[in-house]
Amino acid sequence: MRSVIFTVFACCPGVVLAQEGPTFDCAKATHEAEIAICENAELAALDRRLAETYGAALAMAEGLDAGAKTAVAELKAYQRGWIGGRDACWKDSDIVACISDAYLRREAELVAMWMLEEPVGTSVWMCDGGPEVVTMFFDTPLPSARIEVGDSIDVATVTRTASGAKYEGSFGRSIWIKGNEALYREASPNDAEYGCVLVE
C-alpha cells in the first residue's frame, strides 16, 4: 500500500499541489494579492474554504422559488466586487493579514446572509423609539450575526471592544450588546442610535 501511495505522489504531484494551492491558477497570477495567496499555505486554504462557502450560497440562490435569477446575478456581482476589494490589500502594510481578514469576513457574510449554518443563538430586541431588531448569531471563524429589522436584512461581524460584543454591518449599521441591553445604530444615511433591551 505504501508503495502504491508513493507511486501516486511521484507520478501525479499536481494532485497534491491542487489540494494545497488556491482555486485559481498560480501560474497565471500577476496581481500582488494573488501572488501572496499562492505563496502562503494558510491563505490558499482560506481561498479553498471560501470557494466551498460561495458555492453553497450560489446553490441556495439558484434554488429560490422566486427571484432566483436576480439573486444569482447579485451574488456573482458582489463576489466580483469582493475580489476587487481583496486585491486592494496590496496597498496594506501587512498584506497577509489584510487578505486573511477579507476572506474571514466574506465567509462570515455568506454564512449569515444565506443561513448556511444553524444559528447558535437568536435574540429579539425592543428599542426605545425605534424598531424591533432580531439578531441571529453564527459560530463562524470570525463570529458573525444576521440583523433583521422589518424587511431589511444585514450581516455583521464581531469587532474588538473594551466590553460586551459589538457587531458591525454595512454602511455603519451596528449593534453593541452588553448583557440584556444593546445599542443599535441604523445604517447611513439615517445613523440613528437606539437603546434596546432583550425581550426574547
N, C-alpha and C. Protein backbone atom coordinates (compact mmCIF):
# COMPACT_ATOMS: atom_id res chain seq x y z
N MET A 1 0.84 -1.21 0.00
CA MET A 1 0.00 0.00 0.00
C MET A 1 0.86 1.25 0.00
N ARG A 2 1.95 1.25 0.80
CA ARG A 2 2.80 2.42 0.88
C ARG A 2 3.48 2.68 -0.46
N SER A 3 3.85 1.59 -1.19
CA SER A 3 4.48 1.78 -2.49
C SER A 3 3.51 2.35 -3.50
N VAL A 4 2.23 1.97 -3.38
CA VAL A 4 1.21 2.49 -4.27
C VAL A 4 1.03 3.98 -4.04
N ILE A 5 0.96 4.37 -2.76
CA ILE A 5 0.81 5.78 -2.41
C ILE A 5 2.00 6.58 -2.94
N PHE A 6 3.21 6.01 -2.79
CA PHE A 6 4.40 6.71 -3.27
C PHE A 6 4.34 6.90 -4.78
N THR A 7 3.84 5.87 -5.49
CA THR A 7 3.73 5.96 -6.94
C THR A 7 2.80 7.08 -7.36
N VAL A 8 1.67 7.21 -6.62
CA VAL A 8 0.72 8.27 -6.93
C VAL A 8 1.36 9.63 -6.73
N PHE A 9 2.08 9.80 -5.63
CA PHE A 9 2.73 11.09 -5.35
C PHE A 9 3.81 11.38 -6.38
N ALA A 10 4.55 10.32 -6.79
CA ALA A 10 5.66 10.52 -7.69
C ALA A 10 5.21 10.87 -9.10
N CYS A 11 4.16 10.20 -9.56
CA CYS A 11 3.74 10.41 -10.94
C CYS A 11 2.75 11.54 -11.08
N CYS A 12 2.05 11.88 -10.00
CA CYS A 12 0.98 12.87 -10.08
C CYS A 12 1.13 13.96 -9.03
N PRO A 13 2.24 14.67 -8.99
CA PRO A 13 2.42 15.70 -7.96
C PRO A 13 1.40 16.81 -8.08
N GLY A 14 0.84 17.01 -9.26
CA GLY A 14 -0.16 18.06 -9.45
C GLY A 14 -1.39 17.85 -8.61
N VAL A 15 -1.70 16.57 -8.29
CA VAL A 15 -2.87 16.28 -7.45
C VAL A 15 -2.67 16.88 -6.08
N VAL A 16 -1.48 16.69 -5.52
CA VAL A 16 -1.18 17.21 -4.20
C VAL A 16 -1.17 18.73 -4.22
N LEU A 17 -0.51 19.31 -5.24
CA LEU A 17 -0.42 20.76 -5.33
C LEU A 17 -1.78 21.40 -5.49
N ALA A 18 -2.66 20.74 -6.23
CA ALA A 18 -4.00 21.30 -6.44
C ALA A 18 -4.76 21.36 -5.13
N GLN A 19 -4.52 20.36 -4.26
CA GLN A 19 -5.21 20.34 -2.98
C GLN A 19 -4.65 21.39 -2.03
N GLU A 20 -3.38 21.73 -2.18
CA GLU A 20 -2.74 22.67 -1.27
C GLU A 20 -2.83 24.11 -1.75
N GLY A 21 -2.96 24.31 -3.04
CA GLY A 21 -2.98 25.65 -3.60
C GLY A 21 -4.37 26.25 -3.59
N PRO A 22 -4.48 27.51 -4.05
CA PRO A 22 -5.78 28.17 -4.12
C PRO A 22 -6.60 27.65 -5.29
N THR A 23 -7.78 28.19 -5.47
CA THR A 23 -8.68 27.71 -6.51
C THR A 23 -8.35 28.29 -7.88
N PHE A 24 -7.49 29.29 -7.94
CA PHE A 24 -7.11 29.86 -9.23
C PHE A 24 -5.72 29.37 -9.62
N ASP A 25 -5.36 29.57 -10.87
CA ASP A 25 -4.10 29.09 -11.42
C ASP A 25 -2.96 30.03 -11.03
N CYS A 26 -2.09 29.55 -10.16
CA CYS A 26 -0.98 30.40 -9.69
C CYS A 26 0.00 30.72 -10.82
N ALA A 27 0.04 29.88 -11.84
CA ALA A 27 0.94 30.13 -12.96
C ALA A 27 0.53 31.39 -13.72
N LYS A 28 -0.75 31.76 -13.58
CA LYS A 28 -1.27 32.93 -14.29
C LYS A 28 -1.45 34.13 -13.35
N ALA A 29 -1.05 33.97 -12.10
CA ALA A 29 -1.23 35.05 -11.12
C ALA A 29 -0.26 36.19 -11.41
N THR A 30 -0.79 37.39 -11.55
CA THR A 30 0.04 38.57 -11.80
C THR A 30 -0.17 39.65 -10.74
N HIS A 31 -1.32 39.60 -10.07
CA HIS A 31 -1.62 40.60 -9.05
C HIS A 31 -0.89 40.26 -7.75
N GLU A 32 -0.43 41.27 -7.05
CA GLU A 32 0.33 41.05 -5.81
C GLU A 32 -0.46 40.25 -4.78
N ALA A 33 -1.76 40.49 -4.69
CA ALA A 33 -2.58 39.76 -3.72
C ALA A 33 -2.66 38.28 -4.10
N GLU A 34 -2.85 38.00 -5.37
CA GLU A 34 -2.91 36.61 -5.82
C GLU A 34 -1.58 35.91 -5.59
N ILE A 35 -0.50 36.59 -5.86
CA ILE A 35 0.83 36.00 -5.64
C ILE A 35 1.03 35.70 -4.15
N ALA A 36 0.58 36.61 -3.29
CA ALA A 36 0.70 36.39 -1.84
C ALA A 36 -0.09 35.15 -1.42
N ILE A 37 -1.26 34.95 -2.00
CA ILE A 37 -2.08 33.78 -1.67
C ILE A 37 -1.38 32.51 -2.13
N CYS A 38 -0.79 32.55 -3.33
CA CYS A 38 -0.10 31.37 -3.85
C CYS A 38 1.12 31.01 -3.01
N GLU A 39 1.72 32.00 -2.37
CA GLU A 39 2.94 31.77 -1.59
C GLU A 39 2.67 31.46 -0.13
N ASN A 40 1.41 31.50 0.28
CA ASN A 40 1.07 31.30 1.69
C ASN A 40 0.03 30.19 1.81
N ALA A 41 0.41 29.09 2.46
CA ALA A 41 -0.47 27.93 2.56
C ALA A 41 -1.77 28.24 3.30
N GLU A 42 -1.69 29.08 4.34
CA GLU A 42 -2.89 29.41 5.11
C GLU A 42 -3.87 30.24 4.28
N LEU A 43 -3.35 31.17 3.50
CA LEU A 43 -4.23 31.96 2.63
C LEU A 43 -4.84 31.09 1.54
N ALA A 44 -4.05 30.17 1.01
CA ALA A 44 -4.56 29.26 -0.01
C ALA A 44 -5.69 28.40 0.56
N ALA A 45 -5.53 27.97 1.81
CA ALA A 45 -6.57 27.17 2.45
C ALA A 45 -7.84 28.00 2.64
N LEU A 46 -7.69 29.27 3.00
CA LEU A 46 -8.85 30.16 3.14
C LEU A 46 -9.55 30.34 1.80
N ASP A 47 -8.77 30.42 0.73
CA ASP A 47 -9.34 30.56 -0.61
C ASP A 47 -10.18 29.34 -0.97
N ARG A 48 -9.67 28.16 -0.69
CA ARG A 48 -10.41 26.93 -0.99
C ARG A 48 -11.68 26.86 -0.14
N ARG A 49 -11.56 27.22 1.12
CA ARG A 49 -12.72 27.16 2.01
C ARG A 49 -13.81 28.14 1.58
N LEU A 50 -13.39 29.35 1.19
CA LEU A 50 -14.38 30.33 0.75
C LEU A 50 -15.05 29.88 -0.54
N ALA A 51 -14.30 29.22 -1.40
CA ALA A 51 -14.89 28.72 -2.65
C ALA A 51 -16.03 27.75 -2.35
N GLU A 52 -15.84 26.91 -1.34
CA GLU A 52 -16.90 25.98 -0.95
C GLU A 52 -18.10 26.72 -0.38
N THR A 53 -17.83 27.72 0.46
CA THR A 53 -18.91 28.50 1.07
C THR A 53 -19.68 29.27 0.00
N TYR A 54 -18.96 29.88 -0.92
CA TYR A 54 -19.60 30.62 -2.00
C TYR A 54 -20.43 29.68 -2.88
N GLY A 55 -19.90 28.50 -3.15
CA GLY A 55 -20.65 27.51 -3.93
C GLY A 55 -21.95 27.12 -3.25
N ALA A 56 -21.91 26.98 -1.92
CA ALA A 56 -23.12 26.64 -1.17
C ALA A 56 -24.13 27.78 -1.24
N ALA A 57 -23.65 29.02 -1.14
CA ALA A 57 -24.54 30.18 -1.23
C ALA A 57 -25.15 30.28 -2.62
N LEU A 58 -24.35 30.02 -3.63
CA LEU A 58 -24.84 30.07 -5.01
C LEU A 58 -25.92 29.02 -5.24
N ALA A 59 -25.73 27.84 -4.67
CA ALA A 59 -26.74 26.79 -4.79
C ALA A 59 -28.04 27.21 -4.11
N MET A 60 -27.93 27.89 -2.97
CA MET A 60 -29.13 28.38 -2.28
C MET A 60 -29.85 29.41 -3.14
N ALA A 61 -29.09 30.30 -3.76
CA ALA A 61 -29.69 31.34 -4.61
C ALA A 61 -30.38 30.71 -5.82
N GLU A 62 -29.74 29.73 -6.41
CA GLU A 62 -30.31 29.07 -7.59
C GLU A 62 -31.56 28.29 -7.24
N GLY A 63 -31.69 27.87 -5.99
CA GLY A 63 -32.83 27.08 -5.57
C GLY A 63 -34.02 27.87 -5.06
N LEU A 64 -33.94 29.19 -5.10
CA LEU A 64 -35.05 30.02 -4.64
C LEU A 64 -36.29 29.81 -5.51
N ASP A 65 -37.44 29.81 -4.88
CA ASP A 65 -38.70 29.64 -5.62
C ASP A 65 -39.00 30.85 -6.49
N ALA A 66 -38.63 32.02 -6.02
CA ALA A 66 -38.88 33.25 -6.77
C ALA A 66 -37.66 34.15 -6.69
N GLY A 67 -37.35 34.79 -7.79
CA GLY A 67 -36.23 35.73 -7.82
C GLY A 67 -34.87 35.10 -7.88
N ALA A 68 -34.80 33.82 -8.28
CA ALA A 68 -33.52 33.12 -8.31
C ALA A 68 -32.53 33.78 -9.27
N LYS A 69 -33.00 34.16 -10.45
CA LYS A 69 -32.11 34.74 -11.46
C LYS A 69 -31.48 36.03 -10.95
N THR A 70 -32.29 36.88 -10.33
CA THR A 70 -31.79 38.14 -9.79
C THR A 70 -30.82 37.90 -8.64
N ALA A 71 -31.19 36.96 -7.76
CA ALA A 71 -30.34 36.66 -6.60
C ALA A 71 -28.98 36.13 -7.03
N VAL A 72 -28.96 35.26 -8.03
CA VAL A 72 -27.70 34.71 -8.53
C VAL A 72 -26.84 35.81 -9.14
N ALA A 73 -27.47 36.67 -9.94
CA ALA A 73 -26.73 37.76 -10.58
C ALA A 73 -26.14 38.71 -9.54
N GLU A 74 -26.92 39.03 -8.51
CA GLU A 74 -26.43 39.93 -7.47
C GLU A 74 -25.29 39.28 -6.67
N LEU A 75 -25.44 38.00 -6.38
CA LEU A 75 -24.40 37.29 -5.62
C LEU A 75 -23.09 37.25 -6.40
N LYS A 76 -23.18 36.96 -7.69
CA LYS A 76 -21.98 36.92 -8.52
C LYS A 76 -21.34 38.30 -8.63
N ALA A 77 -22.16 39.32 -8.78
CA ALA A 77 -21.64 40.69 -8.88
C ALA A 77 -20.95 41.09 -7.58
N TYR A 78 -21.56 40.75 -6.46
CA TYR A 78 -20.97 41.09 -5.16
C TYR A 78 -19.66 40.36 -4.97
N GLN A 79 -19.61 39.10 -5.43
CA GLN A 79 -18.37 38.33 -5.29
C GLN A 79 -17.25 38.94 -6.12
N ARG A 80 -17.59 39.41 -7.31
CA ARG A 80 -16.57 40.07 -8.14
C ARG A 80 -16.08 41.34 -7.45
N GLY A 81 -17.01 42.06 -6.85
CA GLY A 81 -16.62 43.26 -6.11
C GLY A 81 -15.74 42.93 -4.93
N TRP A 82 -16.07 41.83 -4.25
CA TRP A 82 -15.26 41.41 -3.11
C TRP A 82 -13.84 41.07 -3.55
N ILE A 83 -13.70 40.38 -4.68
CA ILE A 83 -12.37 40.04 -5.19
C ILE A 83 -11.56 41.30 -5.44
N GLY A 84 -12.21 42.32 -5.98
CA GLY A 84 -11.52 43.59 -6.18
C GLY A 84 -11.05 44.19 -4.87
N GLY A 85 -11.90 44.08 -3.83
CA GLY A 85 -11.51 44.57 -2.52
C GLY A 85 -10.37 43.78 -1.93
N ARG A 86 -10.42 42.46 -2.10
CA ARG A 86 -9.32 41.61 -1.62
C ARG A 86 -8.01 41.99 -2.30
N ASP A 87 -8.08 42.19 -3.60
CA ASP A 87 -6.86 42.51 -4.34
C ASP A 87 -6.28 43.87 -3.95
N ALA A 88 -7.14 44.73 -3.41
CA ALA A 88 -6.66 46.05 -2.96
C ALA A 88 -5.77 45.94 -1.73
N CYS A 89 -5.68 44.75 -1.16
CA CYS A 89 -4.82 44.54 0.01
C CYS A 89 -3.35 44.75 -0.31
N TRP A 90 -3.00 44.82 -1.59
CA TRP A 90 -1.59 45.05 -1.94
C TRP A 90 -1.11 46.39 -1.37
N LYS A 91 -2.05 47.28 -1.09
CA LYS A 91 -1.69 48.59 -0.56
C LYS A 91 -1.48 48.57 0.95
N ASP A 92 -1.90 47.49 1.60
CA ASP A 92 -1.81 47.41 3.06
C ASP A 92 -0.38 47.11 3.51
N SER A 93 -0.01 47.62 4.66
CA SER A 93 1.34 47.38 5.18
C SER A 93 1.54 45.92 5.55
N ASP A 94 0.45 45.21 5.89
CA ASP A 94 0.51 43.78 6.19
C ASP A 94 -0.45 43.08 5.24
N ILE A 95 0.03 42.76 4.06
CA ILE A 95 -0.84 42.22 3.02
C ILE A 95 -1.45 40.88 3.41
N VAL A 96 -0.69 40.04 4.13
CA VAL A 96 -1.20 38.73 4.53
C VAL A 96 -2.36 38.87 5.51
N ALA A 97 -2.21 39.73 6.51
CA ALA A 97 -3.28 39.95 7.49
C ALA A 97 -4.51 40.54 6.82
N CYS A 98 -4.30 41.45 5.89
CA CYS A 98 -5.41 42.09 5.19
C CYS A 98 -6.20 41.07 4.37
N ILE A 99 -5.49 40.21 3.64
CA ILE A 99 -6.15 39.19 2.82
C ILE A 99 -6.88 38.19 3.70
N SER A 100 -6.25 37.77 4.79
CA SER A 100 -6.88 36.82 5.71
C SER A 100 -8.17 37.39 6.27
N ASP A 101 -8.14 38.65 6.68
CA ASP A 101 -9.33 39.31 7.21
C ASP A 101 -10.42 39.39 6.15
N ALA A 102 -10.04 39.67 4.91
CA ALA A 102 -11.02 39.76 3.83
C ALA A 102 -11.73 38.42 3.62
N TYR A 103 -10.98 37.33 3.64
CA TYR A 103 -11.58 36.00 3.47
C TYR A 103 -12.51 35.66 4.63
N LEU A 104 -12.06 35.91 5.85
CA LEU A 104 -12.86 35.57 7.01
C LEU A 104 -14.16 36.37 7.05
N ARG A 105 -14.10 37.64 6.68
CA ARG A 105 -15.30 38.47 6.66
C ARG A 105 -16.28 38.01 5.59
N ARG A 106 -15.75 37.70 4.42
CA ARG A 106 -16.63 37.26 3.33
C ARG A 106 -17.28 35.92 3.67
N GLU A 107 -16.52 35.02 4.25
CA GLU A 107 -17.07 33.73 4.66
C GLU A 107 -18.20 33.94 5.67
N ALA A 108 -17.97 34.80 6.65
CA ALA A 108 -18.97 35.07 7.67
C ALA A 108 -20.22 35.69 7.06
N GLU A 109 -20.04 36.62 6.12
CA GLU A 109 -21.17 37.27 5.46
C GLU A 109 -22.03 36.27 4.70
N LEU A 110 -21.39 35.38 3.97
CA LEU A 110 -22.14 34.39 3.18
C LEU A 110 -22.91 33.43 4.07
N VAL A 111 -22.27 32.98 5.14
CA VAL A 111 -22.94 32.05 6.06
C VAL A 111 -24.16 32.70 6.70
N ALA A 112 -24.01 33.93 7.17
CA ALA A 112 -25.11 34.61 7.86
C ALA A 112 -26.22 35.02 6.90
N MET A 113 -25.86 35.53 5.73
CA MET A 113 -26.87 36.00 4.79
C MET A 113 -27.70 34.85 4.23
N TRP A 114 -27.04 33.74 3.91
CA TRP A 114 -27.73 32.62 3.27
C TRP A 114 -28.06 31.50 4.25
N MET A 115 -27.85 31.74 5.53
CA MET A 115 -28.19 30.75 6.57
C MET A 115 -27.60 29.38 6.24
N LEU A 116 -26.31 29.36 5.93
CA LEU A 116 -25.65 28.13 5.55
C LEU A 116 -25.37 27.23 6.76
N GLU A 117 -25.49 27.78 7.94
CA GLU A 117 -25.37 27.02 9.19
C GLU A 117 -26.54 27.39 10.09
N GLU A 118 -26.80 26.53 11.05
CA GLU A 118 -27.82 26.84 12.04
C GLU A 118 -27.27 27.91 12.98
N PRO A 119 -28.04 28.94 13.28
CA PRO A 119 -27.55 29.95 14.23
C PRO A 119 -27.37 29.33 15.61
N VAL A 120 -26.35 29.78 16.33
CA VAL A 120 -26.11 29.27 17.67
C VAL A 120 -26.96 29.99 18.70
N GLY A 121 -27.61 31.06 18.28
CA GLY A 121 -28.49 31.80 19.17
C GLY A 121 -29.27 32.85 18.42
N THR A 122 -30.46 33.17 18.93
CA THR A 122 -31.31 34.20 18.33
C THR A 122 -31.83 35.10 19.45
N SER A 123 -31.77 36.41 19.24
CA SER A 123 -32.24 37.37 20.24
C SER A 123 -33.17 38.38 19.58
N VAL A 124 -34.18 38.81 20.34
CA VAL A 124 -35.11 39.84 19.88
C VAL A 124 -34.95 41.04 20.80
N TRP A 125 -34.76 42.21 20.21
CA TRP A 125 -34.52 43.44 20.96
C TRP A 125 -35.62 44.45 20.70
N MET A 126 -36.11 45.06 21.77
CA MET A 126 -37.07 46.15 21.65
C MET A 126 -36.32 47.44 21.91
N CYS A 127 -36.35 48.34 20.93
CA CYS A 127 -35.55 49.56 21.01
C CYS A 127 -36.42 50.78 21.29
N ASP A 128 -35.98 51.63 22.20
CA ASP A 128 -36.73 52.83 22.58
C ASP A 128 -36.93 53.75 21.38
N GLY A 129 -38.20 53.97 21.03
CA GLY A 129 -38.50 54.86 19.92
C GLY A 129 -38.02 54.35 18.58
N GLY A 130 -37.63 53.11 18.53
CA GLY A 130 -37.10 52.55 17.29
C GLY A 130 -37.73 51.21 16.96
N PRO A 131 -37.15 50.49 16.03
CA PRO A 131 -37.73 49.24 15.56
C PRO A 131 -37.41 48.04 16.45
N GLU A 132 -38.09 46.95 16.21
CA GLU A 132 -37.72 45.68 16.81
C GLU A 132 -36.57 45.11 15.99
N VAL A 133 -35.55 44.65 16.67
CA VAL A 133 -34.36 44.14 16.00
C VAL A 133 -34.17 42.67 16.37
N VAL A 134 -34.00 41.83 15.36
CA VAL A 134 -33.75 40.41 15.58
C VAL A 134 -32.31 40.10 15.17
N THR A 135 -31.58 39.47 16.05
CA THR A 135 -30.20 39.09 15.74
C THR A 135 -30.04 37.58 15.83
N MET A 136 -29.41 37.01 14.82
CA MET A 136 -29.07 35.59 14.81
C MET A 136 -27.55 35.49 14.77
N PHE A 137 -27.00 34.65 15.62
CA PHE A 137 -25.55 34.58 15.76
C PHE A 137 -25.01 33.27 15.18
N PHE A 138 -23.85 33.37 14.52
CA PHE A 138 -23.26 32.21 13.86
C PHE A 138 -21.83 32.00 14.35
N ASP A 139 -21.50 30.72 14.56
CA ASP A 139 -20.18 30.36 15.08
C ASP A 139 -19.19 30.19 13.93
N THR A 140 -19.07 31.21 13.11
CA THR A 140 -18.10 31.20 12.02
C THR A 140 -16.72 31.53 12.59
N PRO A 141 -15.63 31.19 11.86
CA PRO A 141 -14.30 31.51 12.37
C PRO A 141 -14.16 32.96 12.82
N LEU A 142 -14.74 33.88 12.07
CA LEU A 142 -14.91 35.26 12.53
C LEU A 142 -16.38 35.37 12.92
N PRO A 143 -16.70 35.41 14.23
CA PRO A 143 -18.09 35.39 14.67
C PRO A 143 -18.95 36.42 13.92
N SER A 144 -20.14 35.99 13.54
CA SER A 144 -21.00 36.84 12.71
C SER A 144 -22.43 36.85 13.22
N ALA A 145 -23.19 37.83 12.74
CA ALA A 145 -24.59 37.96 13.13
C ALA A 145 -25.41 38.39 11.92
N ARG A 146 -26.62 37.92 11.88
CA ARG A 146 -27.60 38.35 10.88
C ARG A 146 -28.55 39.30 11.61
N ILE A 147 -28.70 40.51 11.09
CA ILE A 147 -29.54 41.53 11.72
C ILE A 147 -30.78 41.74 10.86
N GLU A 148 -31.95 41.49 11.44
CA GLU A 148 -33.20 41.67 10.73
C GLU A 148 -34.00 42.79 11.38
N VAL A 149 -34.36 43.78 10.58
CA VAL A 149 -35.17 44.90 11.05
C VAL A 149 -36.29 45.08 10.03
N GLY A 150 -37.48 44.63 10.36
CA GLY A 150 -38.56 44.66 9.39
C GLY A 150 -38.21 43.77 8.21
N ASP A 151 -38.28 44.32 7.00
CA ASP A 151 -37.93 43.57 5.80
C ASP A 151 -36.45 43.68 5.46
N SER A 152 -35.71 44.44 6.25
CA SER A 152 -34.29 44.67 5.98
C SER A 152 -33.42 43.59 6.63
N ILE A 153 -32.47 43.08 5.87
CA ILE A 153 -31.54 42.08 6.38
C ILE A 153 -30.12 42.56 6.14
N ASP A 154 -29.30 42.49 7.16
CA ASP A 154 -27.89 42.85 7.03
C ASP A 154 -27.08 41.80 7.76
N VAL A 155 -25.82 41.69 7.43
CA VAL A 155 -24.93 40.78 8.14
C VAL A 155 -23.79 41.59 8.74
N ALA A 156 -23.32 41.14 9.88
CA ALA A 156 -22.30 41.88 10.62
C ALA A 156 -21.29 40.92 11.21
N THR A 157 -20.10 41.41 11.45
CA THR A 157 -19.06 40.60 12.07
C THR A 157 -18.58 41.28 13.35
N VAL A 158 -18.10 40.46 14.26
CA VAL A 158 -17.70 40.98 15.57
C VAL A 158 -16.43 41.82 15.43
N THR A 159 -16.34 42.84 16.25
CA THR A 159 -15.17 43.71 16.26
C THR A 159 -14.70 43.88 17.70
N ARG A 160 -13.46 44.26 17.88
CA ARG A 160 -12.90 44.38 19.23
C ARG A 160 -13.54 45.55 19.98
N THR A 161 -13.88 45.31 21.22
CA THR A 161 -14.40 46.35 22.10
C THR A 161 -13.86 46.11 23.50
N ALA A 162 -13.92 47.15 24.32
CA ALA A 162 -13.44 47.03 25.70
C ALA A 162 -14.37 46.15 26.52
N SER A 163 -15.66 46.15 26.17
CA SER A 163 -16.63 45.35 26.90
C SER A 163 -17.77 44.96 25.96
N GLY A 164 -18.45 43.89 26.31
CA GLY A 164 -19.57 43.44 25.50
C GLY A 164 -19.13 42.86 24.17
N ALA A 165 -20.09 42.77 23.25
CA ALA A 165 -19.81 42.26 21.91
C ALA A 165 -20.44 43.20 20.89
N LYS A 166 -19.61 43.74 20.03
CA LYS A 166 -20.10 44.68 19.02
C LYS A 166 -19.99 44.05 17.64
N TYR A 167 -21.10 44.08 16.90
CA TYR A 167 -21.14 43.56 15.54
C TYR A 167 -21.35 44.71 14.57
N GLU A 168 -20.46 44.82 13.59
CA GLU A 168 -20.54 45.91 12.62
C GLU A 168 -20.95 45.37 11.26
N GLY A 169 -21.99 46.01 10.68
CA GLY A 169 -22.50 45.58 9.40
C GLY A 169 -22.19 46.56 8.30
N SER A 170 -23.14 46.73 7.38
CA SER A 170 -22.92 47.58 6.21
C SER A 170 -23.28 49.04 6.49
N PHE A 171 -22.50 49.93 5.89
CA PHE A 171 -22.81 51.37 5.91
C PHE A 171 -23.03 51.92 7.32
N GLY A 172 -22.22 51.45 8.26
CA GLY A 172 -22.27 51.98 9.61
C GLY A 172 -23.26 51.31 10.54
N ARG A 173 -24.06 50.38 10.05
CA ARG A 173 -25.01 49.68 10.93
C ARG A 173 -24.23 48.84 11.94
N SER A 174 -24.69 48.84 13.18
CA SER A 174 -24.01 48.05 14.21
C SER A 174 -24.96 47.77 15.36
N ILE A 175 -24.61 46.77 16.14
CA ILE A 175 -25.31 46.51 17.39
C ILE A 175 -24.25 46.12 18.42
N TRP A 176 -24.26 46.85 19.54
CA TRP A 176 -23.28 46.66 20.61
C TRP A 176 -24.03 46.07 21.80
N ILE A 177 -23.76 44.83 22.09
CA ILE A 177 -24.51 44.08 23.09
C ILE A 177 -23.73 44.00 24.40
N LYS A 178 -24.42 44.36 25.49
CA LYS A 178 -23.85 44.23 26.83
C LYS A 178 -24.91 43.59 27.71
N GLY A 179 -24.80 42.29 27.87
CA GLY A 179 -25.79 41.58 28.67
C GLY A 179 -27.16 41.61 28.03
N ASN A 180 -28.16 42.10 28.78
CA ASN A 180 -29.53 42.17 28.28
C ASN A 180 -29.86 43.52 27.66
N GLU A 181 -28.85 44.32 27.42
CA GLU A 181 -29.05 45.62 26.79
C GLU A 181 -28.16 45.73 25.55
N ALA A 182 -28.57 46.60 24.64
CA ALA A 182 -27.78 46.79 23.42
C ALA A 182 -27.96 48.21 22.90
N LEU A 183 -26.98 48.67 22.17
CA LEU A 183 -27.06 49.95 21.47
C LEU A 183 -27.08 49.62 19.98
N TYR A 184 -28.22 49.93 19.35
CA TYR A 184 -28.38 49.64 17.93
C TYR A 184 -28.24 50.91 17.11
N ARG A 185 -27.46 50.85 16.06
CA ARG A 185 -27.27 52.01 15.18
C ARG A 185 -27.72 51.66 13.76
N GLU A 186 -28.57 52.51 13.20
CA GLU A 186 -29.05 52.31 11.84
C GLU A 186 -27.93 52.59 10.84
N ALA A 187 -28.10 52.06 9.64
CA ALA A 187 -27.13 52.31 8.58
C ALA A 187 -27.27 53.74 8.07
N SER A 188 -26.22 54.24 7.45
CA SER A 188 -26.26 55.56 6.82
C SER A 188 -27.29 55.54 5.69
N PRO A 189 -27.96 56.66 5.40
CA PRO A 189 -27.71 57.99 5.97
C PRO A 189 -28.49 58.28 7.25
N ASN A 190 -29.25 57.30 7.75
CA ASN A 190 -30.05 57.52 8.96
C ASN A 190 -29.14 57.76 10.17
N ASP A 191 -28.30 56.77 10.46
CA ASP A 191 -27.32 56.86 11.56
C ASP A 191 -27.96 57.02 12.94
N ALA A 192 -29.27 56.80 13.05
CA ALA A 192 -29.93 56.96 14.35
C ALA A 192 -29.48 55.84 15.30
N GLU A 193 -29.35 56.17 16.59
CA GLU A 193 -28.96 55.20 17.59
C GLU A 193 -30.11 54.99 18.58
N TYR A 194 -30.30 53.74 18.99
CA TYR A 194 -31.38 53.41 19.91
C TYR A 194 -30.86 52.51 21.02
N GLY A 195 -31.33 52.77 22.22
CA GLY A 195 -31.06 51.87 23.33
C GLY A 195 -32.08 50.74 23.28
N CYS A 196 -31.63 49.52 23.40
CA CYS A 196 -32.52 48.36 23.25
C CYS A 196 -32.40 47.43 24.46
N VAL A 197 -33.48 46.70 24.71
CA VAL A 197 -33.48 45.70 25.77
C VAL A 197 -33.89 44.35 25.18
N LEU A 198 -33.32 43.31 25.74
CA LEU A 198 -33.62 41.96 25.28
C LEU A 198 -35.01 41.55 25.75
N VAL A 199 -35.84 41.11 24.82
CA VAL A 199 -37.20 40.70 25.18
C VAL A 199 -37.43 39.22 24.90
N GLU A 200 -36.52 38.61 24.17
CA GLU A 200 -36.75 37.20 23.83
C GLU A 200 -35.43 36.51 23.49
